[in-house]
Amino acid sequence: MFSTGKGMSLRFRFSIITFLLLIAASVLTYALVAKIVSSVVDSWGRRVVEIQVLNDSARILQPLEREIGIAQEMAGNTAIQSLARHPEDSGLFEPALSEMENYRQKFQSHSYFVALNRNGSYYHNNAENEYSGSELRYYLNPENEADIWFYRLIEEGLDFHLNVNPDAELGITNLWIDILMRDIAGDIGDEILGVVGTGIPLEVFLSEVVNVHQAGVTTLFVDRYGAIQLYRDPEMIDYASFVKPEQDKHTIDLLLTDPGECAQAYAIMEKLLEADDLQKIETLKAVIGGEQILAGIAYLPTIGWYEISLLNIGEIMPVSRFIPAIIIFILILIGVLIILSLFLRIEIFKPIGALEKATRRLGKDSHEELDLPSGKGEIDALIKSFASMADAIRFYTDDLEKQVEARTAELKDLMLTDPLTGLLNRRGMTERLKGQNERSARTKETFGLIWIDIDYFKEVNDSFGHAMGDTVLTAVSSIFIESIRPYDHASRWGGDEFLILLSPETPDDLRRIIDRLLSSIRSWSSPDAPSLTISIGATTSDGGESIDEVLQRADEALYSAKNSGRNRAVIAD
């Protein structure tokens, strides 16, 4: 291998140079591919965590929004409010108890509680009907630490509150939905008569909503101050956050041990709270338990909590999966370098330099057209392999983007559509109203708003059951769709109330559609259902006022129609 007295042979020296070049090329290739993989995985991880946040948010909001709506309806019940005003009147107990039991059947957990402010009485019954005949469980006492939550709610006047808290008297731990019961017909005015609501068993809620077994994904919900409300580990949950001193709370500081990451998380939460786009999702990289985590954070204004999804990218998409491809790529490169060692400078390094630039461009933008060099033999095969890899990355990136867009569209439809009737929900109609009002303000085009209430719908539910009530809601929704024009919009505004947006609109159009709605509902019949009528309040606007003012005018017209005997329409000027 060495020539006598003349040092190393040219062949040996060339072999060493070739070997060193092979090592350098292999290391460079690994670094470049690893950088591309890291960039792709990071971009993919951010999209996945955003989808996860939307999915988790929809999963928790669907059951909670329904329970909140029922609890708010319960807080305004006449019989229960009468008992709250005069808890000492025994004649009011039975009607109120009957209504409480009706609402117990409506709640998903088939349990309720009613706490009265005037005498501190606390009524409760559960799914097993365990306390039938003894619904009055105990009396609240402001001196009792376990009852402080009630008096704090009354003191701060929070109309709605969610809290995870054990009830020592009842021996249960629930996710409590607390709704203030304000006097809607008393002489004192807006007096707080008590608190009503329901409790969802924490263990059941965690298993069905939070503990969704998905590898590498952890979900938690925190309040505005970072106190952990729902988490897969019950020991981490901050029970009774509402009345607990700040220093004793279980906050996200228990998970984010790095002060800088923790401060960044709180800053993101504050930013989301003040953002105009309430559906905005922010991401944060952090280290939890020694693992690199990508956190997606979103604010849920409906319940006043933040949803945080923790994505362990190393577990979901480990870089080790790309090692075989990297090894194959390096082996191909080594073979090409050995075969073309005589033409190293011309045939290897020049194409490799071009490929290096192409990989960097591919890492920055997978859709950018790559300017690949030409070659011969194995180098040509290498260039084609790289082009195929680039095409594959483009293909899978495009496919992932399409999946993200499709899933996002599905989730948006889910968030804007009422699941029972298929009409727009309150949020969906609110977006349509805002858009129409802005358009009318620009074009001076008049639009019409029809507010519909099904007459005596509560009696339908009470007499024929909630299944018939759902049938009625579905039937009238179909009638509304058939009665309006293809370019008008109908929505279920809440309970048995509906909104219809007419655009463009003339007085004749408005009157004709209202008459058609009244006539169609009156003529509707079903063998097992009662006859139906509706009350309608309607108005028009040219965009020169706020949506709240238009809604208030239509609501007042509806109120006038109901007070005038129902089964009629009133059009406000």
Protein backbone atom coordinates (compact mmCIF):
# COMPACT_ATOMS: atom_id res chain seq x y z
CA MET A 1 0.00 0.00 0.00
CA PHE A 2 3.00 2.30 0.50
CA SER A 3 5.65 2.86 -2.20
CA THR A 4 9.25 2.36 -1.03
CA GLY A 5 10.94 5.65 -0.09
CA LYS A 6 8.34 7.67 -1.85
CA GLY A 7 5.52 7.81 0.71
CA MET A 8 1.98 6.55 0.24
CA SER A 9 0.81 5.47 -3.15
CA LEU A 10 -1.62 7.60 -5.06
CA ARG A 11 -4.18 4.79 -4.92
CA PHE A 12 -3.92 4.56 -1.14
CA ARG A 13 -4.15 8.30 -0.73
CA PHE A 14 -7.10 8.45 -3.10
CA SER A 15 -8.77 5.65 -1.13
CA ILE A 16 -8.32 7.59 2.12
CA ILE A 17 -9.69 10.72 0.50
CA THR A 18 -12.61 8.77 -0.87
CA PHE A 19 -13.27 7.20 2.54
CA LEU A 20 -13.19 10.60 4.26
CA LEU A 21 -15.48 12.02 1.60
CA LEU A 22 -17.87 9.13 2.08
CA ILE A 23 -18.00 9.78 5.82
CA ALA A 24 -18.51 13.51 5.28
CA ALA A 25 -21.23 12.95 2.68
CA SER A 26 -23.01 10.43 4.90
CA VAL A 27 -22.99 12.78 7.88
CA LEU A 28 -24.15 15.70 5.76
CA THR A 29 -26.93 13.64 4.21
CA TYR A 30 -28.12 12.46 7.62
CA ALA A 31 -28.11 16.02 8.98
CA LEU A 32 -30.04 17.40 6.01
CA VAL A 33 -32.63 14.61 6.02
CA ALA A 34 -32.98 14.89 9.80
CA LYS A 35 -33.58 18.62 9.43
CA ILE A 36 -36.27 18.00 6.81
CA VAL A 37 -37.89 15.34 8.97
CA SER A 38 -37.82 17.65 11.99
CA SER A 39 -39.40 20.47 9.99
CA VAL A 40 -42.11 18.21 8.55
CA VAL A 41 -42.87 16.60 11.93
CA ASP A 42 -43.06 20.01 13.63
CA SER A 43 -45.43 21.41 10.99
CA TRP A 44 -47.52 18.25 11.06
CA GLY A 45 -47.61 18.26 14.86
CA ARG A 46 -48.98 21.81 15.00
CA ARG A 47 -51.78 20.93 12.62
CA VAL A 48 -52.60 17.75 14.50
CA VAL A 49 -52.73 19.54 17.86
CA GLU A 50 -55.04 22.22 16.41
CA ILE A 51 -57.39 19.51 15.13
CA GLN A 52 -57.19 17.77 18.51
CA VAL A 53 -58.15 20.98 20.31
CA LEU A 54 -61.17 21.48 18.04
CA ASN A 55 -62.21 17.87 18.49
CA ASP A 56 -61.84 17.92 22.28
CA SER A 57 -63.66 21.27 22.52
CA ALA A 58 -66.62 19.95 20.55
CA ARG A 59 -66.65 16.78 22.67
CA ILE A 60 -66.91 18.66 25.98
CA LEU A 61 -69.17 21.51 24.80
CA GLN A 62 -71.91 19.31 23.33
CA PRO A 63 -72.96 17.66 26.63
CA LEU A 64 -72.29 20.74 28.77
CA GLU A 65 -74.22 23.21 26.59
CA ARG A 66 -77.28 20.96 26.76
CA GLU A 67 -77.07 20.63 30.55
CA ILE A 68 -76.50 24.37 30.97
CA GLY A 69 -79.56 25.16 28.85
CA ILE A 70 -81.77 22.84 30.92
CA ALA A 71 -80.44 24.32 34.18
CA GLN A 72 -81.14 27.87 32.96
CA GLU A 73 -84.67 26.83 32.06
CA MET A 74 -85.04 25.28 35.52
CA ALA A 75 -83.89 28.52 37.18
CA GLY A 76 -86.77 30.38 35.56
CA ASN A 77 -89.46 27.80 36.42
CA THR A 78 -92.49 29.49 38.01
CA ALA A 79 -93.26 26.79 40.58
CA ILE A 80 -89.67 26.55 41.80
CA GLN A 81 -89.37 30.34 41.99
CA SER A 82 -92.61 30.50 44.02
CA LEU A 83 -91.21 28.05 46.57
CA ALA A 84 -87.94 30.04 46.65
CA ARG A 85 -89.83 33.23 47.50
CA HIS A 86 -91.93 31.55 50.21
CA PRO A 87 -90.05 28.45 51.39
CA GLU A 88 -92.20 28.31 54.51
CA ASP A 89 -95.41 27.84 52.48
CA SER A 90 -96.01 24.06 52.47
CA GLY A 91 -98.63 24.42 49.75
CA LEU A 92 -95.92 25.43 47.26
CA PHE A 93 -93.72 22.42 47.96
CA GLU A 94 -95.51 19.73 45.94
CA PRO A 95 -95.80 21.73 42.67
CA ALA A 96 -92.16 22.77 42.97
CA LEU A 97 -91.04 19.22 43.75
CA SER A 98 -92.95 17.92 40.71
CA GLU A 99 -91.09 20.40 38.50
CA MET A 100 -87.78 19.44 40.08
CA GLU A 101 -88.44 15.81 39.25
CA ASN A 102 -89.34 16.74 35.67
CA TYR A 103 -86.02 18.46 35.28
CA ARG A 104 -84.23 15.54 36.93
CA GLN A 105 -85.43 13.36 34.06
CA LYS A 106 -84.18 15.93 31.54
CA PHE A 107 -80.65 16.11 32.91
CA GLN A 108 -78.22 13.60 31.47
CA SER A 109 -77.16 12.47 34.93
CA HIS A 110 -80.81 12.40 36.11
CA SER A 111 -79.85 14.39 39.17
CA TYR A 112 -80.47 17.95 40.32
CA PHE A 113 -79.99 20.30 43.21
CA VAL A 114 -81.92 23.39 44.30
CA ALA A 115 -80.51 25.63 47.04
CA LEU A 116 -82.75 28.40 48.37
CA ASN A 117 -81.32 31.68 49.60
CA ARG A 118 -84.04 32.70 52.05
CA ASN A 119 -83.81 29.72 54.41
CA GLY A 120 -80.76 27.80 53.13
CA SER A 121 -82.74 24.64 52.28
CA TYR A 122 -80.93 22.27 49.90
CA TYR A 123 -82.96 19.87 47.73
CA HIS A 124 -81.39 17.00 45.82
CA ASN A 125 -82.27 13.74 44.11
CA ASN A 126 -80.13 11.44 42.00
CA ALA A 127 -80.45 8.98 39.11
CA GLU A 128 -81.38 6.13 41.44
CA ASN A 129 -84.23 8.22 42.89
CA GLU A 130 -82.52 7.50 46.19
CA TYR A 131 -83.93 10.53 47.98
CA SER A 132 -87.53 10.27 46.84
CA GLY A 133 -89.69 11.58 49.65
CA SER A 134 -86.73 13.21 51.37
CA GLU A 135 -85.50 15.60 48.69
CA LEU A 136 -84.76 18.22 51.34
CA ARG A 137 -81.31 16.95 52.24
CA TYR A 138 -80.08 19.60 54.67
CA TYR A 139 -79.82 23.33 55.35
CA LEU A 140 -76.88 25.40 54.17
CA ASN A 141 -74.96 27.29 56.83
CA PRO A 142 -72.68 30.25 56.10
CA GLU A 143 -70.51 29.13 59.00
CA ASN A 144 -69.97 25.73 57.39
CA GLU A 145 -66.84 25.66 55.21
CA ALA A 146 -68.43 23.13 52.83
CA ASP A 147 -71.27 25.59 52.11
CA ILE A 148 -69.14 28.66 51.40
CA TRP A 149 -69.48 28.06 47.65
CA PHE A 150 -73.21 28.88 47.80
CA TYR A 151 -72.81 32.15 49.62
CA ARG A 152 -69.84 33.17 47.48
CA LEU A 153 -71.91 32.63 44.31
CA ILE A 154 -74.73 34.74 45.78
CA GLU A 155 -72.29 37.44 46.86
CA GLU A 156 -70.52 37.73 43.50
CA GLY A 157 -73.72 37.35 41.47
CA LEU A 158 -72.24 34.85 39.00
CA ASP A 159 -75.17 33.80 36.81
CA PHE A 160 -73.29 30.74 35.61
CA HIS A 161 -70.45 28.75 37.13
CA LEU A 162 -68.75 25.40 36.60
CA ASN A 163 -66.90 23.78 39.47
CA VAL A 164 -65.46 20.40 40.40
CA ASN A 165 -66.21 19.86 44.05
CA PRO A 166 -66.92 17.03 46.50
CA ASP A 167 -70.19 17.31 48.46
CA ALA A 168 -69.39 16.09 51.97
CA GLU A 169 -73.07 15.90 52.94
CA LEU A 170 -74.03 13.80 49.93
CA GLY A 171 -70.75 11.89 49.74
CA ILE A 172 -70.23 12.50 45.99
CA THR A 173 -67.73 14.31 43.74
CA ASN A 174 -69.25 15.94 40.68
CA LEU A 175 -68.67 18.44 37.96
CA TRP A 176 -71.28 20.94 39.16
CA ILE A 177 -73.21 23.27 36.89
CA ASP A 178 -74.41 26.20 39.03
CA ILE A 179 -77.06 28.64 37.72
CA LEU A 180 -78.31 31.59 39.77
CA MET A 181 -82.10 31.70 40.18
CA ARG A 182 -83.08 35.36 39.87
CA ASP A 183 -86.57 36.56 40.76
CA ILE A 184 -88.35 37.23 37.48
CA ALA A 185 -91.77 38.09 38.93
CA GLY A 186 -91.26 39.27 42.49
CA ASP A 187 -91.73 42.68 44.06
CA ILE A 188 -88.12 43.12 45.09
CA GLY A 189 -86.80 43.09 41.56
CA ASP A 190 -83.76 41.18 40.47
CA GLU A 191 -83.38 39.34 43.78
CA ILE A 192 -81.26 36.19 43.84
CA LEU A 193 -83.59 33.47 45.10
CA GLY A 194 -81.04 30.68 45.10
CA VAL A 195 -78.91 28.39 42.96
CA VAL A 196 -80.06 25.47 40.81
CA GLY A 197 -78.20 23.00 38.67
CA THR A 198 -76.99 19.50 38.21
CA GLY A 199 -73.93 17.45 38.95
CA ILE A 200 -72.23 15.15 36.46
CA PRO A 201 -70.29 12.36 38.23
CA LEU A 202 -66.64 13.28 37.84
CA GLU A 203 -65.49 9.73 37.17
CA VAL A 204 -68.05 9.27 34.39
CA PHE A 205 -67.26 12.65 32.80
CA LEU A 206 -63.53 12.00 32.89
CA SER A 207 -63.91 8.56 31.28
CA GLU A 208 -66.28 9.74 28.53
CA VAL A 209 -64.83 13.16 27.69
CA VAL A 210 -61.29 13.56 29.04
CA ASN A 211 -59.77 10.07 29.29
CA VAL A 212 -60.07 9.28 25.59
CA HIS A 213 -57.38 6.67 25.11
CA GLN A 214 -55.28 8.14 22.34
CA ALA A 215 -51.58 7.43 22.32
CA GLY A 216 -49.42 10.46 22.91
CA VAL A 217 -52.35 12.84 23.54
CA THR A 218 -53.38 14.27 26.92
CA THR A 219 -56.21 16.75 27.44
CA LEU A 220 -56.91 19.00 30.41
CA PHE A 221 -59.22 21.91 31.14
CA VAL A 222 -58.30 24.86 33.37
CA ASP A 223 -60.15 27.94 34.56
CA ARG A 224 -59.17 31.54 33.83
CA TYR A 225 -56.61 31.47 36.63
CA GLY A 226 -54.91 28.26 35.49
CA ALA A 227 -56.52 26.01 38.13
CA ILE A 228 -56.88 22.47 36.77
CA GLN A 229 -60.58 21.55 36.51
CA LEU A 230 -60.48 18.33 34.47
CA TYR A 231 -57.52 15.99 34.04
CA ARG A 232 -56.96 12.26 33.64
CA ASP A 233 -55.28 12.16 37.06
CA PRO A 234 -57.96 13.10 39.65
CA GLU A 235 -55.21 13.91 42.17
CA MET A 236 -54.15 16.86 40.02
CA ILE A 237 -57.65 18.39 39.85
CA ASP A 238 -58.17 21.57 41.85
CA TYR A 239 -61.38 20.78 43.71
CA ALA A 240 -63.50 23.67 44.98
CA SER A 241 -61.38 26.26 43.14
CA PHE A 242 -64.02 28.91 43.69
CA VAL A 243 -63.45 29.11 47.43
CA LYS A 244 -59.86 27.91 47.75
CA PRO A 245 -57.00 30.33 48.57
CA GLU A 246 -54.72 31.04 45.61
CA GLN A 247 -51.68 29.48 47.26
CA ASP A 248 -53.50 26.17 47.73
CA LYS A 249 -54.73 25.76 44.15
CA HIS A 250 -53.55 23.04 41.77
CA THR A 251 -52.57 25.01 38.67
CA ILE A 252 -50.72 24.29 35.44
CA ASP A 253 -47.53 25.15 37.33
CA LEU A 254 -47.63 21.51 38.51
CA LEU A 255 -47.17 20.38 34.90
CA LEU A 256 -45.05 23.20 33.45
CA THR A 257 -42.17 23.22 35.92
CA ASP A 258 -40.04 25.59 33.82
CA PRO A 259 -40.88 29.18 34.94
CA GLY A 260 -40.38 30.59 31.45
CA GLU A 261 -42.70 28.05 29.81
CA CYS A 262 -45.27 28.56 32.56
CA ALA A 263 -45.20 32.35 32.11
CA GLN A 264 -45.57 31.90 28.36
CA ALA A 265 -48.63 29.67 28.88
CA TYR A 266 -50.32 32.28 31.09
CA ALA A 267 -49.50 34.98 28.53
CA ILE A 268 -51.15 32.90 25.79
CA MET A 269 -54.23 32.40 27.98
CA GLU A 270 -54.50 36.16 28.55
CA LYS A 271 -54.06 36.79 24.83
CA LEU A 272 -56.82 34.32 23.91
CA LEU A 273 -59.16 35.88 26.48
CA GLU A 274 -58.78 39.30 24.87
CA ALA A 275 -58.78 38.07 21.24
CA ASP A 276 -61.59 39.05 18.88
CA ASP A 277 -61.52 35.57 17.32
CA LEU A 278 -62.76 33.31 20.13
CA GLN A 279 -61.98 30.21 18.04
CA LYS A 280 -58.27 31.05 17.83
CA ILE A 281 -55.82 28.32 18.87
CA GLU A 282 -52.29 29.02 20.11
CA THR A 283 -49.47 26.48 20.43
CA LEU A 284 -46.61 26.22 22.89
CA LYS A 285 -43.53 23.97 23.01
CA ALA A 286 -42.66 22.72 26.48
CA VAL A 287 -40.96 19.93 28.40
CA ILE A 288 -43.18 17.85 30.70
CA GLY A 289 -41.74 14.89 32.53
CA GLY A 290 -38.61 15.01 30.39
CA GLU A 291 -40.63 14.69 27.16
CA GLN A 292 -40.87 17.29 24.40
CA ILE A 293 -44.52 18.35 24.27
CA LEU A 294 -46.49 20.52 21.85
CA ALA A 295 -49.42 22.16 23.64
CA GLY A 296 -52.50 23.54 21.89
CA ILE A 297 -54.48 26.10 23.92
CA ALA A 298 -57.99 27.43 23.17
CA TYR A 299 -60.47 29.50 25.18
CA LEU A 300 -64.03 28.15 25.48
CA PRO A 301 -66.21 31.19 26.24
CA THR A 302 -69.36 29.07 26.64
CA ILE A 303 -68.01 27.54 29.87
CA GLY A 304 -65.29 30.06 30.77
CA TRP A 305 -62.49 27.47 30.69
CA TYR A 306 -59.37 26.86 28.62
CA GLU A 307 -58.83 23.58 26.80
CA ILE A 308 -55.19 22.41 26.62
CA SER A 309 -54.18 19.45 24.46
CA LEU A 310 -50.69 18.05 25.08
CA LEU A 311 -49.19 16.23 22.09
CA ASN A 312 -46.13 14.03 22.62
CA ILE A 313 -44.66 14.24 19.13
CA GLY A 314 -41.91 11.79 19.98
CA GLU A 315 -44.53 9.15 20.76
CA ILE A 316 -46.93 9.90 17.90
CA MET A 317 -44.36 10.42 15.15
CA PRO A 318 -40.90 9.32 16.39
CA VAL A 319 -37.97 10.33 14.23
CA SER A 320 -36.76 6.71 14.44
CA ARG A 321 -39.35 5.80 11.80
CA PHE A 322 -37.34 7.71 9.25
CA ILE A 323 -34.04 5.98 10.08
CA PRO A 324 -34.48 3.11 7.55
CA ALA A 325 -35.14 5.63 4.78
CA ILE A 326 -32.12 7.64 5.88
CA ILE A 327 -29.94 4.51 5.95
CA ILE A 328 -31.11 3.45 2.48
CA PHE A 329 -30.43 6.91 1.18
CA ILE A 330 -26.91 6.90 2.65
CA LEU A 331 -26.16 3.42 1.28
CA ILE A 332 -27.24 4.50 -2.18
CA LEU A 333 -25.02 7.54 -1.87
CA ILE A 334 -22.05 5.44 -0.74
CA GLY A 335 -22.49 3.04 -3.66
CA VAL A 336 -22.67 5.87 -6.14
CA LEU A 337 -19.58 7.53 -4.66
CA ILE A 338 -17.57 4.27 -4.81
CA ILE A 339 -18.61 3.48 -8.39
CA LEU A 340 -17.87 7.02 -9.58
CA SER A 341 -14.78 7.66 -7.43
CA LEU A 342 -12.68 8.56 -10.53
CA PHE A 343 -15.12 11.34 -11.37
CA LEU A 344 -15.60 12.51 -7.78
CA ARG A 345 -15.37 16.23 -8.29
CA ILE A 346 -17.33 16.48 -11.54
CA GLU A 347 -19.86 13.74 -11.10
CA ILE A 348 -20.47 13.77 -7.34
CA PHE A 349 -19.83 16.96 -5.45
CA LYS A 350 -21.44 19.26 -7.94
CA PRO A 351 -24.74 17.29 -8.00
CA ILE A 352 -24.59 16.80 -4.23
CA GLY A 353 -24.16 20.53 -3.71
CA ALA A 354 -27.23 21.15 -5.86
CA LEU A 355 -29.15 18.50 -3.94
CA GLU A 356 -28.19 20.14 -0.66
CA LYS A 357 -29.71 23.41 -1.81
CA ALA A 358 -32.79 21.56 -3.01
CA THR A 359 -33.25 19.83 0.34
CA ARG A 360 -33.09 23.17 2.12
CA ARG A 361 -35.70 24.62 -0.22
CA LEU A 362 -37.83 21.51 0.27
CA GLY A 363 -37.57 21.89 4.05
CA LYS A 364 -38.72 25.51 3.82
CA ASP A 365 -41.47 24.99 1.23
CA SER A 366 -42.45 21.51 0.01
CA HIS A 367 -44.45 23.06 -2.88
CA GLU A 368 -41.56 25.02 -4.35
CA GLU A 369 -40.41 23.81 -7.78
CA LEU A 370 -36.96 22.25 -7.31
CA ASP A 371 -34.13 22.96 -9.76
CA LEU A 372 -32.47 19.53 -9.79
CA PRO A 373 -29.21 18.85 -11.64
CA SER A 374 -28.72 16.28 -14.41
CA GLY A 375 -26.43 13.31 -14.10
CA LYS A 376 -25.43 9.94 -15.39
CA GLY A 377 -25.69 6.43 -14.09
CA GLU A 378 -26.16 6.12 -10.35
CA ILE A 379 -26.11 9.89 -9.84
CA ASP A 380 -29.04 10.16 -12.18
CA ALA A 381 -30.81 7.45 -10.15
CA LEU A 382 -30.03 9.35 -6.96
CA ILE A 383 -31.46 12.56 -8.37
CA LYS A 384 -34.58 10.73 -9.50
CA SER A 385 -34.91 9.09 -6.07
CA PHE A 386 -34.68 12.50 -4.46
CA ALA A 387 -37.27 13.85 -6.89
CA SER A 388 -39.55 10.91 -6.02
CA MET A 389 -39.02 11.59 -2.34
CA ALA A 390 -39.84 15.27 -2.89
CA ASP A 391 -42.97 14.30 -4.82
CA ALA A 392 -43.93 11.92 -2.00
CA ILE A 393 -43.45 14.67 0.57
CA ARG A 394 -45.58 17.01 -1.55
CA PHE A 395 -48.23 14.34 -1.97
CA TYR A 396 -48.45 13.47 1.72
CA THR A 397 -48.30 17.14 2.69
CA ASP A 398 -51.14 17.96 0.29
CA ASP A 399 -53.10 14.93 1.52
CA LEU A 400 -52.61 15.99 5.13
CA GLU A 401 -53.72 19.54 4.31
CA LYS A 402 -56.85 18.20 2.62
CA GLN A 403 -57.62 16.04 5.64
CA VAL A 404 -57.08 19.02 7.93
CA GLU A 405 -59.37 21.19 5.78
CA ALA A 406 -62.06 18.48 5.63
CA ARG A 407 -61.92 17.84 9.36
CA THR A 408 -61.95 21.56 10.10
CA ALA A 409 -64.98 22.00 7.85
CA GLU A 410 -66.77 19.12 9.61
CA LEU A 411 -66.02 20.57 13.02
CA LYS A 412 -67.16 24.03 11.91
CA ASP A 413 -70.43 22.56 10.60
CA LEU A 414 -70.85 20.75 13.91
CA MET A 415 -70.31 23.99 15.81
CA LEU A 416 -72.77 25.95 13.63
CA THR A 417 -75.59 23.37 13.20
CA ASP A 418 -78.31 22.23 15.58
CA PRO A 419 -77.97 18.40 15.78
CA LEU A 420 -81.71 17.73 16.25
CA THR A 421 -83.25 19.84 13.48
CA GLY A 422 -80.34 20.26 11.08
CA LEU A 423 -80.95 24.02 11.08
CA LEU A 424 -78.35 26.61 11.99
CA ASN A 425 -77.78 26.88 15.74
CA ARG A 426 -77.54 30.15 17.67
CA ARG A 427 -73.88 30.62 16.82
CA GLY A 428 -74.44 29.86 13.13
CA MET A 429 -77.35 32.30 12.84
CA THR A 430 -75.41 34.97 14.74
CA GLU A 431 -72.64 34.79 12.11
CA ARG A 432 -75.22 35.05 9.29
CA LEU A 433 -76.89 38.03 10.98
CA LYS A 434 -73.61 39.87 11.45
CA GLY A 435 -72.63 39.27 7.83
CA GLN A 436 -76.04 40.37 6.52
CA ASN A 437 -76.08 43.49 8.69
CA GLU A 438 -72.65 44.54 7.44
CA ARG A 439 -73.70 43.86 3.82
CA SER A 440 -76.93 45.83 4.23
CA ALA A 441 -75.02 48.75 5.78
CA ARG A 442 -72.94 48.90 2.60
CA THR A 443 -75.65 48.27 0.00
CA LYS A 444 -78.72 49.66 1.87
CA GLU A 445 -80.45 46.38 1.01
CA THR A 446 -83.30 45.63 3.42
CA PHE A 447 -83.45 42.27 5.21
CA GLY A 448 -86.20 40.76 7.32
CA LEU A 449 -86.00 38.92 10.63
CA ILE A 450 -88.76 36.56 11.84
CA TRP A 451 -88.71 35.34 15.47
CA ILE A 452 -90.96 32.28 16.00
CA ASP A 453 -92.11 30.64 19.22
CA ILE A 454 -94.11 27.36 19.27
CA ASP A 455 -97.23 28.01 21.33
CA TYR A 456 -97.57 25.94 24.50
CA PHE A 457 -94.58 23.77 23.62
CA LYS A 458 -93.89 23.06 27.30
CA GLU A 459 -97.34 21.45 27.57
CA VAL A 460 -96.47 19.23 24.59
CA ASN A 461 -93.35 18.03 26.40
CA ASP A 462 -95.18 17.56 29.70
CA SER A 463 -98.20 15.78 28.18
CA PHE A 464 -96.68 13.77 25.36
CA GLY A 465 -93.07 13.35 26.47
CA HIS A 466 -89.76 14.72 25.19
CA ALA A 467 -89.66 12.25 22.28
CA MET A 468 -92.83 13.84 20.90
CA GLY A 469 -91.34 17.27 21.66
CA ASP A 470 -88.31 16.37 19.51
CA THR A 471 -90.67 15.13 16.76
CA VAL A 472 -92.54 18.44 16.83
CA LEU A 473 -89.29 20.43 16.65
CA THR A 474 -88.13 18.36 13.67
CA ALA A 475 -91.50 18.69 11.92
CA VAL A 476 -91.78 22.47 12.28
CA SER A 477 -88.16 22.82 11.16
CA SER A 478 -89.02 20.98 7.93
CA ILE A 479 -92.06 23.25 7.46
CA PHE A 480 -89.88 26.33 7.92
CA ILE A 481 -87.41 25.13 5.29
CA GLU A 482 -90.26 24.40 2.84
CA SER A 483 -91.88 27.78 3.50
CA ILE A 484 -88.89 30.03 2.91
CA ARG A 485 -86.85 30.75 -0.19
CA PRO A 486 -83.68 28.79 -1.06
CA TYR A 487 -81.48 31.77 -0.25
CA ASP A 488 -83.08 32.53 3.14
CA HIS A 489 -81.74 31.06 6.40
CA ALA A 490 -83.56 29.32 9.25
CA SER A 491 -82.14 28.51 12.69
CA ARG A 492 -83.07 27.02 16.00
CA TRP A 493 -82.37 29.96 18.32
CA GLY A 494 -82.92 27.98 21.51
CA GLY A 495 -85.48 25.58 22.98
CA ASP A 496 -88.71 26.08 21.01
CA GLU A 497 -87.68 29.41 19.47
CA PHE A 498 -86.56 29.84 15.86
CA LEU A 499 -85.16 32.72 13.78
CA ILE A 500 -85.58 33.15 10.02
CA LEU A 501 -83.43 35.62 8.06
CA LEU A 502 -84.95 36.90 4.80
CA SER A 503 -82.62 38.61 2.34
CA PRO A 504 -83.37 40.41 0.11
CA GLU A 505 -86.77 41.37 1.50
CA THR A 506 -89.79 43.50 0.67
CA PRO A 507 -92.87 44.11 2.84
CA ASP A 508 -94.91 41.88 0.52
CA ASP A 509 -92.32 39.10 0.75
CA LEU A 510 -92.28 39.35 4.55
CA ARG A 511 -96.07 39.24 4.85
CA ARG A 512 -96.41 36.41 2.35
CA ILE A 513 -93.83 34.20 4.07
CA ILE A 514 -95.32 34.91 7.52
CA ASP A 515 -98.81 33.94 6.27
CA ARG A 516 -97.35 30.79 4.72
CA LEU A 517 -95.64 29.84 8.00
CA LEU A 518 -98.80 30.39 10.08
CA SER A 519 -100.97 28.46 7.60
CA SER A 520 -98.54 25.56 7.23
CA ILE A 521 -98.18 25.07 10.99
CA ARG A 522 -101.94 25.28 11.56
CA SER A 523 -102.58 22.65 8.91
CA TRP A 524 -99.87 20.27 10.16
CA SER A 525 -101.13 17.15 11.85
CA SER A 526 -99.81 13.86 13.17
CA PRO A 527 -101.77 10.87 14.54
CA ASP A 528 -100.09 10.97 17.94
CA ALA A 529 -99.38 14.69 18.25
CA PRO A 530 -101.53 17.67 19.16
CA SER A 531 -102.33 20.44 16.71
CA LEU A 532 -99.79 23.26 16.67
CA THR A 533 -99.78 27.02 16.37
CA ILE A 534 -96.98 29.53 16.46
CA SER A 535 -96.52 33.13 17.50
CA ILE A 536 -94.39 35.36 15.31
CA GLY A 537 -92.59 38.63 15.86
CA ALA A 538 -91.01 40.17 12.77
CA THR A 539 -89.13 43.28 11.76
CA THR A 540 -86.92 44.66 9.01
CA SER A 541 -83.62 46.51 8.89
CA ASP A 542 -81.39 48.21 6.35
CA GLY A 543 -78.18 47.72 8.33
CA GLY A 544 -78.29 51.12 10.00
CA GLU A 545 -78.44 49.66 13.50
CA SER A 546 -76.84 46.94 15.56
CA ILE A 547 -77.95 43.29 15.43
CA ASP A 548 -78.90 43.50 19.12
CA GLU A 549 -81.34 46.32 18.32
CA VAL A 550 -82.92 44.34 15.47
CA LEU A 551 -83.23 41.25 17.69
CA GLN A 552 -84.76 43.29 20.51
CA ARG A 553 -87.36 44.76 18.15
CA ALA A 554 -88.30 41.30 16.81
CA ASP A 555 -88.41 39.92 20.38
CA GLU A 556 -90.73 42.73 21.48
CA ALA A 557 -92.99 42.01 18.49
CA LEU A 558 -93.04 38.32 19.46
CA TYR A 559 -93.89 39.25 23.03
CA SER A 560 -96.77 41.39 21.74
CA ALA A 561 -98.05 38.50 19.58
CA LYS A 562 -98.00 36.11 22.55
CA ASN A 563 -99.72 38.62 24.83
CA SER A 564 -102.41 39.19 22.20
CA GLY A 565 -103.52 35.57 22.34
CA ARG A 566 -100.76 33.72 20.39
CA ASN A 567 -101.33 32.00 17.01
CA ARG A 568 -100.62 35.25 15.21
CA ALA A 569 -97.89 37.54 13.94
CA VAL A 570 -96.88 41.08 14.84
CA ILE A 571 -94.58 43.05 12.52
CA ALA A 572 -92.60 45.80 14.20
CA ASP A 573 -91.79 48.95 12.26
